[in-house]
Amino acid sequence: MKREFKYRGKSIEELEKLPFDEMIELLPSRARRSLQRGLTEQQSKLLENIKTTKESGDKKAKVRTHVRDMVVIPEMVGVKLAVYNGKEFVEFDVTPEMIGKYISEFSMTRKIIQHSAPGVGATRSSLFVPVK
């Protein structure tokens, strides 16, 4: 039996019907304060693109963006986003569990580096190792 997702006691449908100001009050403080200041021009454009993508109904369509400081809101759920991390666009589906988080959290800018053994010429002694 699959449980229905609830965010602060409200379902996704209820959250989408709420006015923007009331929905903001349910978010964590950092996200709430960010959205209370108003959306930037790029954030507004991103929301417009997401709405048109959802209305088109195309399952494979994705929204590409450089806007990493946007908070995930209920209208974004179900959309495939591709967020730029400085080198490439990282794709992910927006799920209900992501509400209240920033989209930059899902597109990491750094990767884990694992160094292997040192190569020839890495130290003074390795220069005199026979090539045989």
Protein backbone atom coordinates (compact mmCIF):
# COMPACT_ATOMS: atom_id res chain seq x y z
CA MET A 1 0.00 0.00 0.00
CA LYS A 2 1.51 3.30 -1.12
CA ARG A 3 1.20 6.24 1.23
CA GLU A 4 0.09 9.58 -0.13
CA PHE A 5 2.72 12.30 0.24
CA LYS A 6 1.91 15.09 2.69
CA TYR A 7 3.91 18.28 3.24
CA ARG A 8 3.17 19.82 6.63
CA GLY A 9 -0.15 17.96 6.67
CA LYS A 10 -1.28 19.02 3.18
CA SER A 11 -1.40 16.97 -0.03
CA ILE A 12 0.15 18.18 -3.29
CA GLU A 13 -3.27 19.13 -4.70
CA GLU A 14 -4.05 21.22 -1.59
CA LEU A 15 -0.64 22.93 -1.80
CA GLU A 16 -1.17 23.83 -5.47
CA LYS A 17 -4.57 25.39 -4.68
CA LEU A 18 -3.17 27.53 -1.84
CA PRO A 19 -2.37 31.18 -2.59
CA PHE A 20 1.36 31.82 -3.01
CA ASP A 21 1.63 33.78 0.28
CA GLU A 22 -0.01 30.99 2.33
CA MET A 23 2.12 28.32 0.63
CA ILE A 24 5.29 30.28 1.45
CA GLU A 25 4.41 30.21 5.16
CA LEU A 26 4.76 26.39 5.16
CA LEU A 27 8.36 26.44 3.85
CA PRO A 28 11.54 26.41 5.98
CA SER A 29 12.80 29.84 7.08
CA ARG A 30 15.58 30.32 4.51
CA ALA A 31 13.33 29.42 1.57
CA ARG A 32 10.44 31.42 3.03
CA ARG A 33 12.54 34.57 3.42
CA SER A 34 13.97 34.17 -0.08
CA LEU A 35 10.51 33.93 -1.68
CA GLN A 36 8.98 36.71 0.46
CA ARG A 37 11.47 39.14 -1.09
CA GLY A 38 9.91 38.33 -4.46
CA LEU A 39 11.01 36.35 -7.49
CA THR A 40 13.82 37.61 -9.70
CA GLU A 41 13.29 38.00 -13.44
CA GLN A 42 15.10 34.71 -14.17
CA GLN A 43 13.08 32.84 -11.52
CA SER A 44 9.81 34.19 -12.96
CA LYS A 45 10.90 33.07 -16.43
CA LEU A 46 11.75 29.61 -15.09
CA LEU A 47 8.29 29.28 -13.52
CA GLU A 48 6.67 30.32 -16.82
CA ASN A 49 8.69 27.67 -18.68
CA ILE A 50 7.70 25.03 -16.14
CA LYS A 51 4.01 25.93 -16.44
CA THR A 52 4.07 25.75 -20.24
CA THR A 53 5.92 22.42 -20.10
CA LYS A 54 3.35 20.97 -17.69
CA GLU A 55 0.46 22.23 -19.84
CA SER A 56 1.95 20.69 -22.99
CA GLY A 57 1.76 17.27 -21.32
CA ASP A 58 4.95 16.02 -22.98
CA LYS A 59 6.57 13.48 -20.63
CA LYS A 60 10.02 13.69 -22.25
CA ALA A 61 10.20 17.50 -22.22
CA LYS A 62 12.69 19.01 -19.82
CA VAL A 63 13.34 22.55 -18.69
CA ARG A 64 16.99 23.64 -18.89
CA THR A 65 18.08 26.43 -16.58
CA HIS A 66 21.02 28.24 -15.02
CA VAL A 67 18.87 29.47 -12.11
CA ARG A 68 20.22 27.51 -9.15
CA ASP A 69 18.75 29.70 -6.41
CA MET A 70 15.11 28.78 -7.05
CA VAL A 71 13.18 27.03 -4.29
CA VAL A 72 11.19 23.95 -5.32
CA ILE A 73 7.49 24.81 -5.00
CA PRO A 74 4.46 22.52 -5.54
CA GLU A 75 3.86 23.75 -9.12
CA MET A 76 7.24 22.27 -10.12
CA VAL A 77 6.45 18.70 -9.03
CA GLY A 78 6.42 16.22 -11.90
CA VAL A 79 8.66 18.25 -14.23
CA LYS A 80 12.05 17.15 -15.50
CA LEU A 81 14.65 19.86 -14.79
CA ALA A 82 18.17 20.19 -16.17
CA VAL A 83 20.23 22.51 -13.96
CA TYR A 84 23.65 23.84 -14.97
CA ASN A 85 26.44 23.01 -12.53
CA GLY A 86 29.19 25.07 -14.18
CA LYS A 87 30.21 22.41 -16.68
CA GLU A 88 27.09 20.53 -17.81
CA PHE A 89 23.35 20.28 -17.27
CA VAL A 90 22.40 17.73 -14.59
CA GLU A 91 18.93 16.24 -15.17
CA PHE A 92 16.50 15.13 -12.48
CA ASP A 93 12.77 14.71 -11.95
CA VAL A 94 11.19 16.99 -9.35
CA THR A 95 9.44 14.87 -6.71
CA PRO A 96 7.18 16.00 -3.83
CA GLU A 97 9.96 15.29 -1.30
CA MET A 98 12.01 18.11 -2.85
CA ILE A 99 9.54 20.87 -1.88
CA GLY A 100 11.23 23.62 0.11
CA LYS A 101 14.74 22.78 -1.07
CA TYR A 102 16.81 24.71 -3.60
CA ILE A 103 17.26 23.17 -7.05
CA SER A 104 21.02 23.67 -6.71
CA GLU A 105 21.06 20.90 -4.08
CA PHE A 106 20.31 18.38 -6.82
CA SER A 107 23.03 19.56 -9.23
CA MET A 108 26.38 19.31 -7.46
CA THR A 109 29.17 21.60 -8.65
CA ARG A 110 32.05 19.47 -7.36
CA LYS A 111 32.80 15.78 -7.72
CA ILE A 112 34.64 13.37 -5.52
CA ILE A 113 38.22 12.82 -6.68
CA GLN A 114 39.95 9.53 -5.97
CA HIS A 115 43.66 9.62 -6.65
CA SER A 116 45.46 6.48 -7.78
CA ALA A 117 49.10 5.50 -7.27
CA PRO A 118 51.79 8.02 -8.27
CA GLY A 119 53.16 7.68 -11.79
CA VAL A 120 56.67 7.67 -13.25
CA GLY A 121 58.38 10.98 -12.53
CA ALA A 122 56.26 11.76 -9.50
CA THR A 123 59.28 11.52 -7.16
CA ARG A 124 63.04 11.71 -7.59
CA SER A 125 63.52 8.00 -6.98
CA SER A 126 60.99 6.95 -9.61
CA LEU A 127 63.18 8.49 -12.35
CA PHE A 128 65.75 5.72 -11.91
CA VAL A 129 63.36 2.78 -12.03
CA PRO A 130 64.32 0.43 -14.90
CA VAL A 131 61.76 0.51 -17.70
CA LYS A 132 62.02 -3.27 -18.13
